[in-house]
Amino acid sequence: MNSALQNDQPGYLLILYGANDAIMSYDSDTAIANLQDIVEAAKANNTIPVIATLTPMYGEHSIFNGEAERISDGIRNLATQENMRWWTSKRHSVPMRA
């Protein structure tokens, strides 16, 4: 990812992260630590990271909604700690929060 950031020099990076971690039953703390690494790489490249919480899971994946919500809580906390923009992914889009 670092090379893509350096080569493209984006002004913003929209990060949609964590759904596969929930499905694979990875620990939410590990998922958030990995997300924080991505955020730090973006900031080091003078790229503004924007993160989003997870969308609800449906069908056979709905059993992972509990872990998805724990990851989403971690995403909101990370955004608050880092004073970042974040977007809440629900059934319908909502305004981006600063």
N, C-alpha and C. Protein backbone atom coordinates (compact mmCIF):
# COMPACT_ATOMS: atom_id res chain seq x y z
N MET A 1 0.81 -1.18 0.00
CA MET A 1 0.00 0.00 0.00
C MET A 1 0.86 1.26 0.00
N ASN A 2 1.98 1.21 0.71
CA ASN A 2 2.84 2.39 0.77
C ASN A 2 3.28 2.83 -0.62
N SER A 3 3.63 1.87 -1.48
CA SER A 3 4.07 2.24 -2.82
C SER A 3 2.93 2.85 -3.63
N ALA A 4 1.71 2.34 -3.45
CA ALA A 4 0.56 2.92 -4.16
C ALA A 4 0.31 4.35 -3.69
N LEU A 5 0.44 4.59 -2.39
CA LEU A 5 0.27 5.95 -1.87
C LEU A 5 1.35 6.88 -2.42
N GLN A 6 2.58 6.40 -2.42
CA GLN A 6 3.68 7.23 -2.91
C GLN A 6 3.57 7.50 -4.40
N ASN A 7 3.18 6.49 -5.16
CA ASN A 7 3.07 6.66 -6.61
C ASN A 7 1.91 7.55 -7.02
N ASP A 8 0.76 7.37 -6.37
CA ASP A 8 -0.45 8.09 -6.78
C ASP A 8 -0.64 9.43 -6.06
N GLN A 9 -0.06 9.57 -4.86
CA GLN A 9 -0.18 10.80 -4.07
C GLN A 9 -1.63 11.28 -3.95
N PRO A 10 -2.55 10.40 -3.49
CA PRO A 10 -3.95 10.84 -3.38
C PRO A 10 -4.13 11.88 -2.27
N GLY A 11 -5.08 12.77 -2.45
CA GLY A 11 -5.40 13.74 -1.41
C GLY A 11 -6.18 13.10 -0.27
N TYR A 12 -7.05 12.15 -0.63
CA TYR A 12 -7.87 11.43 0.34
C TYR A 12 -7.77 9.94 0.07
N LEU A 13 -7.95 9.15 1.13
CA LEU A 13 -7.99 7.71 1.00
C LEU A 13 -9.23 7.22 1.75
N LEU A 14 -10.22 6.69 1.03
CA LEU A 14 -11.41 6.12 1.65
C LEU A 14 -11.08 4.68 2.01
N ILE A 15 -11.15 4.38 3.30
CA ILE A 15 -10.77 3.05 3.79
C ILE A 15 -12.03 2.32 4.24
N LEU A 16 -12.35 1.26 3.54
CA LEU A 16 -13.46 0.38 3.90
C LEU A 16 -12.82 -0.92 4.36
N TYR A 17 -12.79 -1.14 5.64
CA TYR A 17 -11.97 -2.20 6.21
C TYR A 17 -12.70 -2.92 7.32
N GLY A 18 -12.51 -4.23 7.40
CA GLY A 18 -12.96 -4.98 8.56
C GLY A 18 -13.97 -6.07 8.31
N ALA A 19 -14.69 -6.04 7.19
CA ALA A 19 -15.73 -7.05 6.96
C ALA A 19 -15.15 -8.46 6.90
N ASN A 20 -14.06 -8.63 6.17
CA ASN A 20 -13.45 -9.96 6.09
C ASN A 20 -12.91 -10.40 7.44
N ASP A 21 -12.42 -9.45 8.23
CA ASP A 21 -11.94 -9.79 9.58
C ASP A 21 -13.09 -10.35 10.41
N ALA A 22 -14.27 -9.74 10.32
CA ALA A 22 -15.43 -10.23 11.06
C ALA A 22 -15.82 -11.62 10.58
N ILE A 23 -15.86 -11.82 9.26
CA ILE A 23 -16.25 -13.11 8.70
C ILE A 23 -15.25 -14.21 9.08
N MET A 24 -13.98 -13.84 9.13
CA MET A 24 -12.95 -14.83 9.48
C MET A 24 -12.78 -14.96 11.01
N SER A 25 -13.62 -14.25 11.77
CA SER A 25 -13.60 -14.28 13.23
C SER A 25 -12.27 -13.84 13.82
N TYR A 26 -11.62 -12.88 13.16
CA TYR A 26 -10.40 -12.30 13.72
C TYR A 26 -10.78 -11.40 14.88
N ASP A 27 -9.91 -11.28 15.82
CA ASP A 27 -10.12 -10.43 16.98
C ASP A 27 -10.30 -8.97 16.54
N SER A 28 -11.28 -8.29 17.09
CA SER A 28 -11.55 -6.91 16.69
C SER A 28 -10.39 -5.98 17.04
N ASP A 29 -9.67 -6.25 18.12
CA ASP A 29 -8.51 -5.43 18.47
C ASP A 29 -7.42 -5.53 17.40
N THR A 30 -7.22 -6.73 16.87
CA THR A 30 -6.24 -6.92 15.80
C THR A 30 -6.67 -6.19 14.54
N ALA A 31 -7.96 -6.28 14.22
CA ALA A 31 -8.48 -5.59 13.03
C ALA A 31 -8.26 -4.09 13.14
N ILE A 32 -8.52 -3.53 14.31
CA ILE A 32 -8.36 -2.09 14.50
C ILE A 32 -6.88 -1.71 14.47
N ALA A 33 -6.02 -2.54 15.02
CA ALA A 33 -4.58 -2.27 14.96
C ALA A 33 -4.10 -2.25 13.51
N ASN A 34 -4.60 -3.17 12.69
CA ASN A 34 -4.24 -3.19 11.28
C ASN A 34 -4.78 -1.95 10.56
N LEU A 35 -5.99 -1.55 10.90
CA LEU A 35 -6.57 -0.34 10.32
C LEU A 35 -5.74 0.88 10.71
N GLN A 36 -5.29 0.92 11.95
CA GLN A 36 -4.48 2.04 12.40
C GLN A 36 -3.17 2.12 11.60
N ASP A 37 -2.60 0.97 11.25
CA ASP A 37 -1.39 0.97 10.41
C ASP A 37 -1.67 1.61 9.06
N ILE A 38 -2.84 1.32 8.48
CA ILE A 38 -3.21 1.91 7.19
C ILE A 38 -3.39 3.42 7.33
N VAL A 39 -4.04 3.83 8.40
CA VAL A 39 -4.26 5.26 8.67
C VAL A 39 -2.92 5.98 8.82
N GLU A 40 -2.00 5.38 9.57
CA GLU A 40 -0.69 6.00 9.77
C GLU A 40 0.09 6.11 8.47
N ALA A 41 -0.02 5.09 7.61
CA ALA A 41 0.66 5.14 6.31
C ALA A 41 0.09 6.27 5.46
N ALA A 42 -1.22 6.44 5.49
CA ALA A 42 -1.85 7.52 4.73
C ALA A 42 -1.38 8.88 5.24
N LYS A 43 -1.39 9.04 6.55
CA LYS A 43 -0.97 10.32 7.13
C LYS A 43 0.49 10.62 6.83
N ALA A 44 1.34 9.59 6.86
CA ALA A 44 2.76 9.78 6.56
C ALA A 44 2.97 10.23 5.12
N ASN A 45 2.00 9.95 4.27
CA ASN A 45 2.06 10.32 2.86
C ASN A 45 1.33 11.64 2.59
N ASN A 46 0.93 12.33 3.65
CA ASN A 46 0.14 13.56 3.53
C ASN A 46 -1.18 13.32 2.81
N THR A 47 -1.73 12.14 3.01
CA THR A 47 -3.04 11.76 2.47
C THR A 47 -4.03 11.77 3.63
N ILE A 48 -5.19 12.33 3.42
CA ILE A 48 -6.21 12.39 4.46
C ILE A 48 -7.02 11.09 4.45
N PRO A 49 -6.92 10.29 5.51
CA PRO A 49 -7.70 9.05 5.55
C PRO A 49 -9.13 9.33 6.00
N VAL A 50 -10.07 8.67 5.36
CA VAL A 50 -11.48 8.70 5.74
C VAL A 50 -11.89 7.25 5.93
N ILE A 51 -12.39 6.92 7.13
CA ILE A 51 -12.75 5.53 7.40
C ILE A 51 -14.26 5.40 7.57
N ALA A 52 -14.74 4.18 7.34
CA ALA A 52 -16.18 3.91 7.44
C ALA A 52 -16.40 2.70 8.33
N THR A 53 -17.51 2.73 9.05
CA THR A 53 -17.90 1.56 9.83
C THR A 53 -18.43 0.50 8.87
N LEU A 54 -18.63 -0.69 9.37
CA LEU A 54 -19.07 -1.80 8.52
C LEU A 54 -20.57 -1.74 8.26
N THR A 55 -20.95 -2.19 7.09
CA THR A 55 -22.37 -2.32 6.78
C THR A 55 -22.90 -3.58 7.46
N PRO A 56 -24.20 -3.62 7.72
CA PRO A 56 -24.77 -4.85 8.28
C PRO A 56 -24.56 -6.01 7.29
N MET A 57 -24.38 -7.19 7.83
CA MET A 57 -24.22 -8.38 7.00
C MET A 57 -25.55 -9.11 6.91
N TYR A 58 -25.80 -9.68 5.75
CA TYR A 58 -27.09 -10.31 5.47
C TYR A 58 -26.91 -11.77 5.09
N GLY A 59 -28.02 -12.49 5.08
CA GLY A 59 -28.01 -13.87 4.65
C GLY A 59 -27.13 -14.72 5.55
N GLU A 60 -26.35 -15.58 4.93
CA GLU A 60 -25.51 -16.51 5.69
C GLU A 60 -24.45 -15.79 6.52
N HIS A 61 -24.13 -14.54 6.15
CA HIS A 61 -23.11 -13.78 6.89
C HIS A 61 -23.70 -13.02 8.08
N SER A 62 -25.00 -13.03 8.25
CA SER A 62 -25.61 -12.26 9.34
C SER A 62 -25.15 -12.75 10.71
N ILE A 63 -24.65 -13.96 10.80
CA ILE A 63 -24.17 -14.48 12.08
C ILE A 63 -22.93 -13.72 12.56
N PHE A 64 -22.32 -12.94 11.67
CA PHE A 64 -21.11 -12.19 12.02
C PHE A 64 -21.39 -10.75 12.42
N ASN A 65 -22.66 -10.38 12.52
CA ASN A 65 -23.00 -8.99 12.84
C ASN A 65 -22.49 -8.54 14.20
N GLY A 66 -22.41 -9.43 15.16
CA GLY A 66 -21.89 -9.06 16.48
C GLY A 66 -20.44 -8.62 16.40
N GLU A 67 -19.62 -9.40 15.70
CA GLU A 67 -18.20 -9.04 15.55
C GLU A 67 -18.07 -7.81 14.66
N ALA A 68 -18.92 -7.70 13.65
CA ALA A 68 -18.88 -6.51 12.78
C ALA A 68 -19.19 -5.25 13.59
N GLU A 69 -20.11 -5.34 14.53
CA GLU A 69 -20.43 -4.18 15.35
C GLU A 69 -19.28 -3.84 16.30
N ARG A 70 -18.60 -4.86 16.84
CA ARG A 70 -17.42 -4.60 17.69
C ARG A 70 -16.32 -3.90 16.87
N ILE A 71 -16.12 -4.34 15.64
CA ILE A 71 -15.13 -3.68 14.78
C ILE A 71 -15.58 -2.26 14.47
N SER A 72 -16.85 -2.06 14.20
CA SER A 72 -17.37 -0.71 13.93
C SER A 72 -17.18 0.20 15.14
N ASP A 73 -17.39 -0.33 16.34
CA ASP A 73 -17.14 0.47 17.55
C ASP A 73 -15.67 0.89 17.61
N GLY A 74 -14.78 -0.04 17.28
CA GLY A 74 -13.35 0.27 17.25
C GLY A 74 -13.01 1.30 16.19
N ILE A 75 -13.67 1.24 15.05
CA ILE A 75 -13.46 2.23 13.98
C ILE A 75 -13.88 3.62 14.46
N ARG A 76 -15.04 3.69 15.10
CA ARG A 76 -15.50 5.00 15.63
C ARG A 76 -14.53 5.53 16.67
N ASN A 77 -14.05 4.66 17.55
CA ASN A 77 -13.10 5.09 18.58
C ASN A 77 -11.79 5.56 17.96
N LEU A 78 -11.30 4.83 16.96
CA LEU A 78 -10.07 5.22 16.29
C LEU A 78 -10.24 6.58 15.62
N ALA A 79 -11.35 6.77 14.95
CA ALA A 79 -11.61 8.05 14.29
C ALA A 79 -11.63 9.19 15.29
N THR A 80 -12.23 8.97 16.45
CA THR A 80 -12.28 9.99 17.48
C THR A 80 -10.88 10.28 18.02
N GLN A 81 -10.12 9.23 18.32
CA GLN A 81 -8.76 9.41 18.85
C GLN A 81 -7.85 10.14 17.88
N GLU A 82 -8.00 9.83 16.61
CA GLU A 82 -7.13 10.40 15.58
C GLU A 82 -7.69 11.69 14.98
N ASN A 83 -8.85 12.14 15.49
CA ASN A 83 -9.50 13.34 14.97
C ASN A 83 -9.69 13.25 13.46
N MET A 84 -10.25 12.11 13.04
CA MET A 84 -10.42 11.81 11.62
C MET A 84 -11.87 11.92 11.20
N ARG A 85 -12.06 12.08 9.91
CA ARG A 85 -13.40 11.99 9.33
C ARG A 85 -13.77 10.51 9.25
N TRP A 86 -15.06 10.24 9.51
CA TRP A 86 -15.55 8.88 9.40
C TRP A 86 -16.98 8.89 8.92
N TRP A 87 -17.38 7.79 8.37
CA TRP A 87 -18.71 7.63 7.80
C TRP A 87 -19.33 6.39 8.39
N THR A 88 -20.57 6.49 8.82
CA THR A 88 -21.26 5.34 9.38
C THR A 88 -22.00 4.63 8.26
N SER A 89 -21.67 3.38 8.06
CA SER A 89 -22.31 2.55 7.04
C SER A 89 -23.50 1.83 7.66
N LYS A 90 -24.66 2.20 7.25
CA LYS A 90 -25.88 1.50 7.66
C LYS A 90 -26.63 1.15 6.39
N ARG A 91 -27.88 0.85 6.49
CA ARG A 91 -28.65 0.53 5.29
C ARG A 91 -28.68 1.69 4.31
N HIS A 92 -28.73 2.88 4.84
CA HIS A 92 -28.76 4.07 4.01
C HIS A 92 -27.60 4.95 4.41
N SER A 93 -27.05 5.66 3.48
CA SER A 93 -25.92 6.53 3.81
C SER A 93 -26.37 7.67 4.71
N VAL A 94 -25.46 8.14 5.51
CA VAL A 94 -25.70 9.28 6.39
C VAL A 94 -24.58 10.29 6.17
N PRO A 95 -24.77 11.51 6.59
CA PRO A 95 -23.72 12.52 6.37
C PRO A 95 -22.40 12.11 7.03
N MET A 96 -21.32 12.42 6.37
CA MET A 96 -20.00 12.15 6.92
C MET A 96 -19.79 13.03 8.13
N ARG A 97 -19.24 12.45 9.18
CA ARG A 97 -19.01 13.19 10.42
C ARG A 97 -17.54 13.52 10.56
N ALA A 98 -17.26 14.67 11.11
CA ALA A 98 -15.86 15.06 11.36
C ALA A 98 -15.50 14.76 12.78
